[in-house]
C-alpha atoms as a PDB file:
ATOM      1  CA  MET A   1     -10.639  19.872 -25.776  1.00  0.00           C
ATOM      2  CA  GLN A   2     -12.012  16.922 -23.763  1.00  0.00           C
ATOM      3  CA  LYS A   3     -10.436  17.159 -20.420  1.00  0.00           C
ATOM      4  CA  THR A   4      -9.565  14.246 -18.110  1.00  0.00           C
ATOM      5  CA  THR A   5     -12.214  14.177 -15.432  1.00  0.00           C
ATOM      6  CA  ILE A   6     -11.011  12.950 -11.800  1.00  0.00           C
ATOM      7  CA  MET A   7     -12.691  12.111  -8.900  1.00  0.00           C
ATOM      8  CA  ILE A   8     -10.999  12.552  -5.344  1.00  0.00           C
ATOM      9  CA  VAL A   9     -11.916  10.313  -2.052  1.00  0.00           C
ATOM     10  CA  ASP A  10     -10.100  11.036   1.160  1.00  0.00           C
ATOM     11  CA  ASP A  11     -11.555  11.299   4.344  1.00  0.00           C
ATOM     12  CA  HIS A  12      -9.150  14.273   5.281  1.00  0.00           C
ATOM     13  CA  THR A  13     -11.253  17.463   3.931  1.00  0.00           C
ATOM     14  CA  LEU A  14      -7.687  19.574   3.626  1.00  0.00           C
ATOM     15  CA  VAL A  15      -6.024  17.170   1.919  1.00  0.00           C
ATOM     16  CA  ARG A  16      -8.958  16.619  -0.826  1.00  0.00           C
ATOM     17  CA  GLU A  17      -9.716  20.299  -1.354  1.00  0.00           C
ATOM     18  CA  THR A  18      -6.129  20.888  -1.888  1.00  0.00           C
ATOM     19  CA  TRP A  19      -5.735  18.072  -3.854  1.00  0.00           C
ATOM     20  CA  ALA A  20      -8.802  19.518  -5.806  1.00  0.00           C
ATOM     21  CA  LYS A  21      -7.356  23.321  -5.953  1.00  0.00           C
ATOM     22  CA  PHE A  22      -3.911  22.249  -6.992  1.00  0.00           C
ATOM     23  CA  ILE A  23      -5.401  19.365  -9.998  1.00  0.00           C
ATOM     24  CA  SER A  24      -7.971  22.226 -11.241  1.00  0.00           C
ATOM     25  CA  LEU A  25      -4.785  24.563 -12.226  1.00  0.00           C
ATOM     26  CA  TYR A  26      -4.033  22.186 -15.007  1.00  0.00           C
ATOM     27  CA  PRO A  27      -6.663  22.996 -17.850  1.00  0.00           C
ATOM     28  CA  GLU A  28      -6.717  19.374 -18.844  1.00  0.00           C
ATOM     29  CA  TYR A  29      -8.536  18.366 -15.974  1.00  0.00           C
ATOM     30  CA  ASP A  30     -11.662  18.662 -14.546  1.00  0.00           C
ATOM     31  CA  VAL A  31     -12.214  17.264 -10.072  1.00  0.00           C
ATOM     32  CA  ILE A  32     -15.806  16.425 -11.150  1.00  0.00           C
ATOM     33  CA  PHE A  33     -16.289  15.405  -7.466  1.00  0.00           C
ATOM     34  CA  ASN A  34     -14.600  14.731  -4.574  1.00  0.00           C
ATOM     35  CA  THR A  35     -15.400  12.987  -1.215  1.00  0.00           C
ATOM     36  CA  GLY A  36     -14.695  11.772   2.526  1.00  0.00           C
ATOM     37  CA  ASP A  37     -17.396   9.166   2.056  1.00  0.00           C
ATOM     38  CA  GLY A  38     -16.406   6.023   0.119  1.00  0.00           C
ATOM     39  CA  GLN A  39     -19.628   4.394  -0.287  1.00  0.00           C
ATOM     40  CA  GLU A  40     -21.186   7.935  -1.692  1.00  0.00           C
ATOM     41  CA  ALA A  41     -17.969   7.628  -3.927  1.00  0.00           C
ATOM     42  CA  ILE A  42     -19.272   4.565  -5.412  1.00  0.00           C
ATOM     43  CA  GLU A  43     -22.417   5.363  -6.123  1.00  0.00           C
ATOM     44  CA  VAL A  44     -21.084   8.957  -7.842  1.00  0.00           C
ATOM     45  CA  ALA A  45     -18.685   6.922  -9.825  1.00  0.00           C
ATOM     46  CA  ARG A  46     -21.161   4.407 -10.803  1.00  0.00           C
ATOM     47  CA  ASP A  47     -23.391   7.719 -12.534  1.00  0.00           C
ATOM     48  CA  GLN A  48     -20.543   9.792 -14.050  1.00  0.00           C
ATOM     49  CA  ARG A  49     -17.729   7.430 -14.664  1.00  0.00           C
ATOM     50  CA  PRO A  50     -14.560   9.569 -14.097  1.00  0.00           C
ATOM     51  CA  ASP A  51     -11.745   8.791 -16.290  1.00  0.00           C
ATOM     52  CA  ILE A  52      -9.418   8.914 -13.102  1.00  0.00           C
ATOM     53  CA  LEU A  53     -10.115   8.425  -9.085  1.00  0.00           C
ATOM     54  CA  LEU A  54      -7.801   9.419  -6.167  1.00  0.00           C
ATOM     55  CA  ALA A  55      -8.380   7.039  -3.832  1.00  0.00           C
ATOM     56  CA  ASP A  56      -6.965   7.073  -0.137  1.00  0.00           C
ATOM     57  CA  ILE A  57      -6.399   3.981   1.510  1.00  0.00           C
ATOM     58  CA  ASN A  58      -7.048   4.483   4.658  1.00  0.00           C
ATOM     59  CA  MET A  59     -10.463   5.008   5.319  1.00  0.00           C
ATOM     60  CA  VAL A  60     -13.606   3.907   7.044  1.00  0.00           C
ATOM     61  CA  PRO A  61     -15.916   2.355   6.875  1.00  0.00           C
ATOM     62  CA  VAL A  62     -14.789   1.743   3.532  1.00  0.00           C
ATOM     63  CA  ASN A  63     -11.038   1.581   2.809  1.00  0.00           C
ATOM     64  CA  GLY A  64      -9.118   1.758  -0.009  1.00  0.00           C
ATOM     65  CA  PHE A  65      -8.755  -1.804  -0.910  1.00  0.00           C
ATOM     66  CA  GLU A  66     -12.475  -1.890  -0.848  1.00  0.00           C
ATOM     67  CA  LEU A  67     -13.093   0.833  -2.775  1.00  0.00           C
ATOM     68  CA  LEU A  68     -10.622  -0.427  -5.879  1.00  0.00           C
ATOM     69  CA  GLU A  69     -13.101  -3.798  -5.843  1.00  0.00           C
ATOM     70  CA  MET A  70     -16.154  -1.722  -6.110  1.00  0.00           C
ATOM     71  CA  ILE A  71     -15.107   0.716  -8.509  1.00  0.00           C
ATOM     72  CA  SER A  72     -13.745  -2.139 -10.811  1.00  0.00           C
ATOM     73  CA  LYS A  73     -17.200  -3.512 -10.924  1.00  0.00           C
ATOM     74  CA  PHE A  74     -19.572  -0.324 -11.249  1.00  0.00           C
ATOM     75  CA  SER A  75     -17.320   1.993 -13.188  1.00  0.00           C
ATOM     76  CA  PRO A  76     -14.648  -0.507 -14.939  1.00  0.00           C
ATOM     77  CA  GLY A  77     -13.370   2.230 -17.146  1.00  0.00           C
ATOM     78  CA  THR A  78     -12.301   4.265 -14.054  1.00  0.00           C
ATOM     79  CA  LYS A  79      -8.656   4.293 -13.653  1.00  0.00           C
ATOM     80  CA  VAL A  80      -7.820   4.299  -9.856  1.00  0.00           C
ATOM     81  CA  ILE A  81      -4.497   5.853  -8.546  1.00  0.00           C
ATOM     82  CA  GLY A  82      -3.583   4.742  -5.055  1.00  0.00           C
ATOM     83  CA  VAL A  83      -2.918   7.712  -2.326  1.00  0.00           C
ATOM     84  CA  SER A  84      -1.504   6.611   0.784  1.00  0.00           C
ATOM     85  CA  MET A  85       0.936   7.440   3.755  1.00  0.00           C
ATOM     86  CA  HIS A  86       1.868   4.000   3.520  1.00  0.00           C
ATOM     87  CA  SER A  87       5.075   3.139   1.713  1.00  0.00           C
ATOM     88  CA  GLN A  88       5.355  -0.169   2.269  1.00  0.00           C
ATOM     89  CA  PRO A  89       5.838  -2.521  -0.671  1.00  0.00           C
ATOM     90  CA  ALA A  90       3.470  -4.841   0.344  1.00  0.00           C
ATOM     91  CA  TYR A  91       0.608  -2.299   0.471  1.00  0.00           C
ATOM     92  CA  VAL A  92       1.443  -1.169  -3.457  1.00  0.00           C
ATOM     93  CA  LYS A  93       1.647  -4.804  -4.208  1.00  0.00           C
ATOM     94  CA  LYS A  94      -2.089  -5.720  -2.941  1.00  0.00           C
ATOM     95  CA  MET A  95      -3.596  -2.074  -4.501  1.00  0.00           C
ATOM     96  CA  MET A  96      -1.778  -2.778  -7.985  1.00  0.00           C
ATOM     97  CA  ARG A  97      -3.042  -7.052  -7.484  1.00  0.00           C
ATOM     98  CA  GLY A  98      -6.491  -5.096  -7.209  1.00  0.00           C
ATOM     99  CA  GLY A  99      -6.362  -3.388 -10.303  1.00  0.00           C
ATOM    100  CA  ALA A 100      -5.015  -0.145  -9.623  1.00  0.00           C
ATOM    101  CA  LYS A 101      -2.680   1.971 -11.961  1.00  0.00           C
ATOM    102  CA  GLY A 102      -0.913   4.276 -10.064  1.00  0.00           C
ATOM    103  CA  TYR A 103       0.443   4.556  -6.229  1.00  0.00           C
ATOM    104  CA  VAL A 104       1.863   7.917  -5.141  1.00  0.00           C
ATOM    105  CA  THR A 105       2.541   8.375  -1.175  1.00  0.00           C
ATOM    106  CA  LYS A 106       1.230  11.552   0.934  1.00  0.00           C
ATOM    107  CA  SER A 107       5.130  12.315   1.383  1.00  0.00           C
ATOM    108  CA  SER A 108       5.054  12.709  -2.360  1.00  0.00           C
ATOM    109  CA  PRO A 109       5.773  16.061  -4.123  1.00  0.00           C
ATOM    110  CA  SER A 110       2.810  17.494  -5.931  1.00  0.00           C
ATOM    111  CA  GLU A 111       4.595  17.712  -8.970  1.00  0.00           C
ATOM    112  CA  GLU A 112       4.556  13.853  -8.583  1.00  0.00           C
ATOM    113  CA  LEU A 113       1.108  13.230  -8.296  1.00  0.00           C
ATOM    114  CA  MET A 114       0.500  15.197 -11.768  1.00  0.00           C
ATOM    115  CA  VAL A 115       3.282  12.808 -13.215  1.00  0.00           C
ATOM    116  CA  ALA A 116       1.069  10.040 -11.773  1.00  0.00           C
ATOM    117  CA  ILE A 117      -2.161  11.559 -13.333  1.00  0.00           C
ATOM    118  CA  ALA A 118      -0.528  11.573 -16.624  1.00  0.00           C
ATOM    119  CA  GLU A 119       0.902   8.444 -17.172  1.00  0.00           C
ATOM    120  CA  VAL A 120      -2.123   6.463 -15.835  1.00  0.00           C
ATOM    121  CA  ALA A 121      -4.523   9.176 -17.975  1.00  0.00           C
ATOM    122  CA  ALA A 122      -2.296   8.104 -21.218  1.00  0.00           C
ATOM    123  CA  GLY A 123      -2.613   4.286 -20.363  1.00  0.00           C
ATOM    124  CA  ARG A 124       0.572   3.387 -18.391  1.00  0.00           C
ATOM    125  CA  THR A 125       1.005   2.266 -14.400  1.00  0.00           C
ATOM    126  CA  TYR A 126       2.733   5.202 -12.182  1.00  0.00           C
ATOM    127  CA  ILE A 127       4.554   4.060  -8.703  1.00  0.00           C
ATOM    128  CA  CYS A 128       5.854   6.890  -6.979  1.00  0.00           C
ATOM    129  CA  ALA A 129       9.602   7.732  -6.393  1.00  0.00           C
ATOM    130  CA  GLU A 130       9.532   7.004  -2.922  1.00  0.00           C
ATOM    131  CA  VAL A 131       8.190   3.581  -3.312  1.00  0.00           C
ATOM    132  CA  LYS A 132      10.536   2.827  -5.726  1.00  0.00           C
ATOM    133  CA  ASN A 133      13.566   3.432  -3.921  1.00  0.00           C
ATOM    134  CA  ILE A 134      12.062   1.165  -0.763  1.00  0.00           C
ATOM    135  CA  ILE A 135      11.692  -1.495  -3.641  1.00  0.00           C
ATOM    136  CA  ALA A 136      15.440  -1.137  -4.610  1.00  0.00           C
ATOM    137  CA  ASP A 137      16.840  -0.852  -0.857  1.00  0.00           C
ATOM    138  CA  GLN A 138      14.844  -4.537  -0.376  1.00  0.00           C
ATOM    139  CA  ALA A 139      16.129  -6.214  -3.158  1.00  0.00           C
ATOM    140  CA  VAL A 140      19.761  -4.923  -1.582  1.00  0.00           C
ATOM    141  CA  ASN A 141      18.785  -6.562   1.351  1.00  0.00           C
ATOM    142  CA  GLU A 142      17.730  -9.822  -0.075  1.00  0.00           C
ATOM    143  CA  SER A 143      20.688  -9.766  -2.075  1.00  0.00           C
ATOM    144  CA  ARG A 144      23.181  -9.248   1.534  1.00  0.00           C
ATOM    145  CA  HIS A 145      20.466 -11.746   3.350  1.00  0.00           C
ATOM    146  CA  GLY A 146      21.426 -14.045   0.924  1.00  0.00           C
ATOM    147  CA  PRO A 147      18.945 -15.619  -2.321  1.00  0.00           C
ATOM    148  CA  GLY A 148      15.421 -17.180  -1.315  1.00  0.00           C
ATOM    149  CA  ALA A 149      16.441 -16.050   2.347  1.00  0.00           C
ATOM    150  CA  ILE A 150      12.648 -15.639   3.377  1.00  0.00           C
ATOM    151  CA  SER A 151      11.610 -19.288   1.339  1.00  0.00           C
ATOM    152  CA  GLN A 152      13.989 -20.727   3.708  1.00  0.00           C
ATOM    153  CA  LEU A 153      11.553 -20.280   7.023  1.00  0.00           C
ATOM    154  CA  SER A 154       9.497 -22.902   7.919  1.00  0.00           C
ATOM    155  CA  GLU A 155       5.814 -22.465   8.264  1.00  0.00           C
ATOM    156  CA  ARG A 156       6.323 -22.309  11.809  1.00  0.00           C
ATOM    157  CA  GLU A 157       8.978 -20.320  11.736  1.00  0.00           C
ATOM    158  CA  LEU A 158       6.635 -17.494   9.492  1.00  0.00           C
ATOM    159  CA  GLU A 159       3.868 -18.201  12.013  1.00  0.00           C
ATOM    160  CA  ILE A 160       6.453 -16.839  15.141  1.00  0.00           C
ATOM    161  CA  ILE A 161       8.065 -13.836  13.603  1.00  0.00           C
ATOM    162  CA  LYS A 162       4.356 -12.544  12.652  1.00  0.00           C
ATOM    163  CA  LEU A 163       3.648 -12.996  16.436  1.00  0.00           C
ATOM    164  CA  VAL A 164       6.772 -11.153  17.061  1.00  0.00           C
ATOM    165  CA  ARG A 165       5.558  -8.167  15.031  1.00  0.00           C
ATOM    166  CA  ASN A 166       2.431  -7.857  16.743  1.00  0.00           C
ATOM    167  CA  GLY A 167       3.926  -7.494  20.162  1.00  0.00           C
ATOM    168  CA  LEU A 168       4.084 -11.012  21.769  1.00  0.00           C
ATOM    169  CA  SER A 169       6.299 -12.304  23.630  1.00  0.00           C
ATOM    170  CA  SER A 170       7.787 -15.656  23.799  1.00  0.00           C
ATOM    171  CA  LYS A 171       5.890 -16.731  26.370  1.00  0.00           C
ATOM    172  CA  GLU A 172       2.660 -15.562  24.880  1.00  0.00           C
ATOM    173  CA  ILE A 173       3.392 -17.123  21.386  1.00  0.00           C
ATOM    174  CA  ALA A 174       4.423 -20.651  23.294  1.00  0.00           C
ATOM    175  CA  LEU A 175       0.968 -20.747  24.909  1.00  0.00           C
ATOM    176  CA  GLN A 176      -0.750 -19.281  21.518  1.00  0.00           C
ATOM    177  CA  LEU A 177       1.282 -22.337  19.625  1.00  0.00           C
ATOM    178  CA  SER A 178       0.770 -24.836  22.460  1.00  0.00           C
ATOM    179  CA  ILE A 179       4.738 -25.214  22.551  1.00  0.00           C
ATOM    180  CA  THR A 180       7.433 -24.260  24.862  1.00  0.00           C
ATOM    181  CA  PRO A 181       8.803 -20.722  25.511  1.00  0.00           C
ATOM    182  CA  LYS A 182      12.350 -22.595  25.428  1.00  0.00           C
ATOM    183  CA  THR A 183      11.137 -24.005  21.911  1.00  0.00           C
ATOM    184  CA  VAL A 184       9.929 -20.193  20.683  1.00  0.00           C
ATOM    185  CA  GLU A 185      13.679 -19.123  21.599  1.00  0.00           C
ATOM    186  CA  VAL A 186      15.024 -21.641  19.536  1.00  0.00           C
ATOM    187  CA  HIS A 187      12.813 -20.735  17.167  1.00  0.00           C
ATOM    188  CA  ARG A 188      13.456 -17.234  17.200  1.00  0.00           C
ATOM    189  CA  HIS A 189      17.614 -18.243  17.142  1.00  0.00           C
ATOM    190  CA  ASN A 190      16.856 -19.920  13.800  1.00  0.00           C
ATOM    191  CA  ILE A 191      15.296 -17.339  12.094  1.00  0.00           C
ATOM    192  CA  LEU A 192      17.468 -14.851  12.984  1.00  0.00           C
ATOM    193  CA  LYS A 193      20.444 -17.184  11.624  1.00  0.00           C
ATOM    194  CA  LYS A 194      18.632 -17.977   8.234  1.00  0.00           C
ATOM    195  CA  LEU A 195      18.207 -14.164   7.455  1.00  0.00           C
ATOM    196  CA  LYS A 196      21.524 -13.357   8.552  1.00  0.00           C
ATOM    197  CA  LEU A 197      20.177 -10.732  11.402  1.00  0.00           C
ATOM    198  CA  LYS A 198      21.247  -9.810  14.712  1.00  0.00           C
ATOM    199  CA  ASN A 199      18.473  -8.779  16.839  1.00  0.00           C
ATOM    200  CA  SER A 200      14.602  -8.710  17.427  1.00  0.00           C
ATOM    201  CA  VAL A 201      14.695  -4.858  16.142  1.00  0.00           C
ATOM    202  CA  ALA A 202      16.467  -6.245  13.104  1.00  0.00           C
ATOM    203  CA  LEU A 203      13.679  -8.650  12.407  1.00  0.00           C
ATOM    204  CA  ILE A 204      11.042  -6.425  12.650  1.00  0.00           C
ATOM    205  CA  GLU A 205      12.142  -3.978  10.538  1.00  0.00           C
ATOM    206  CA  PHE A 206      12.940  -6.601   7.727  1.00  0.00           C
ATOM    207  CA  MET A 207       9.455  -8.079   8.265  1.00  0.00           C
ATOM    208  CA  ASN A 208       7.926  -4.325   8.065  1.00  0.00           C
ATOM    209  CA  SER A 209      10.210  -4.265   4.826  1.00  0.00           C
ATOM    210  CA  HIS A 210       8.873  -7.414   3.179  1.00  0.00           C
ATOM    211  CA  GLY A 211       4.866  -6.712   4.272  1.00  0.00           C
ATOM    212  CA  LEU A 212       5.291  -9.629   6.700  1.00  0.00           C
END
């Protein structure tokens, strides 16, 4: 039986070695290489063409998104599964748009990682239960906030909520956008009203869940 070859890329040695040992318990898989260096992973993948690559997103200097792009170029037959601490749908969408075939979080049970590998190896896509639940909750929130709530926001309002998320005060936002603090407060009031939110804390939670 021909084994499915797997490469693991994560800059935490304990994490990738634990994954390697666990996956090796399954006779149908062969972990051919693991590394914490994204550039090394690209070079090895180009030579060995693994069937599946498990890629951590938060690595330096080559992060998971950049690694995905390079793997698609140098080893197009390799199917990438993103593995991350992040469960926000925005990260998942970015990985899947980039060509990833699967996404699991580091909170996922090890058995789910194996399900993801099996699904992707079979030519299907897989998104872990944790992320699916968040997407479902987000859909409920969108329904509660009214249809197309985000689309009701103006370009200026979208600008302001991103600055709020970055921790800027109304005065700092006013300076950056060359408007008055009072105008910023009016915009913030209108944003909360349109999204049917009570305060800035709820606004930040809303932004995080929608990847804004």
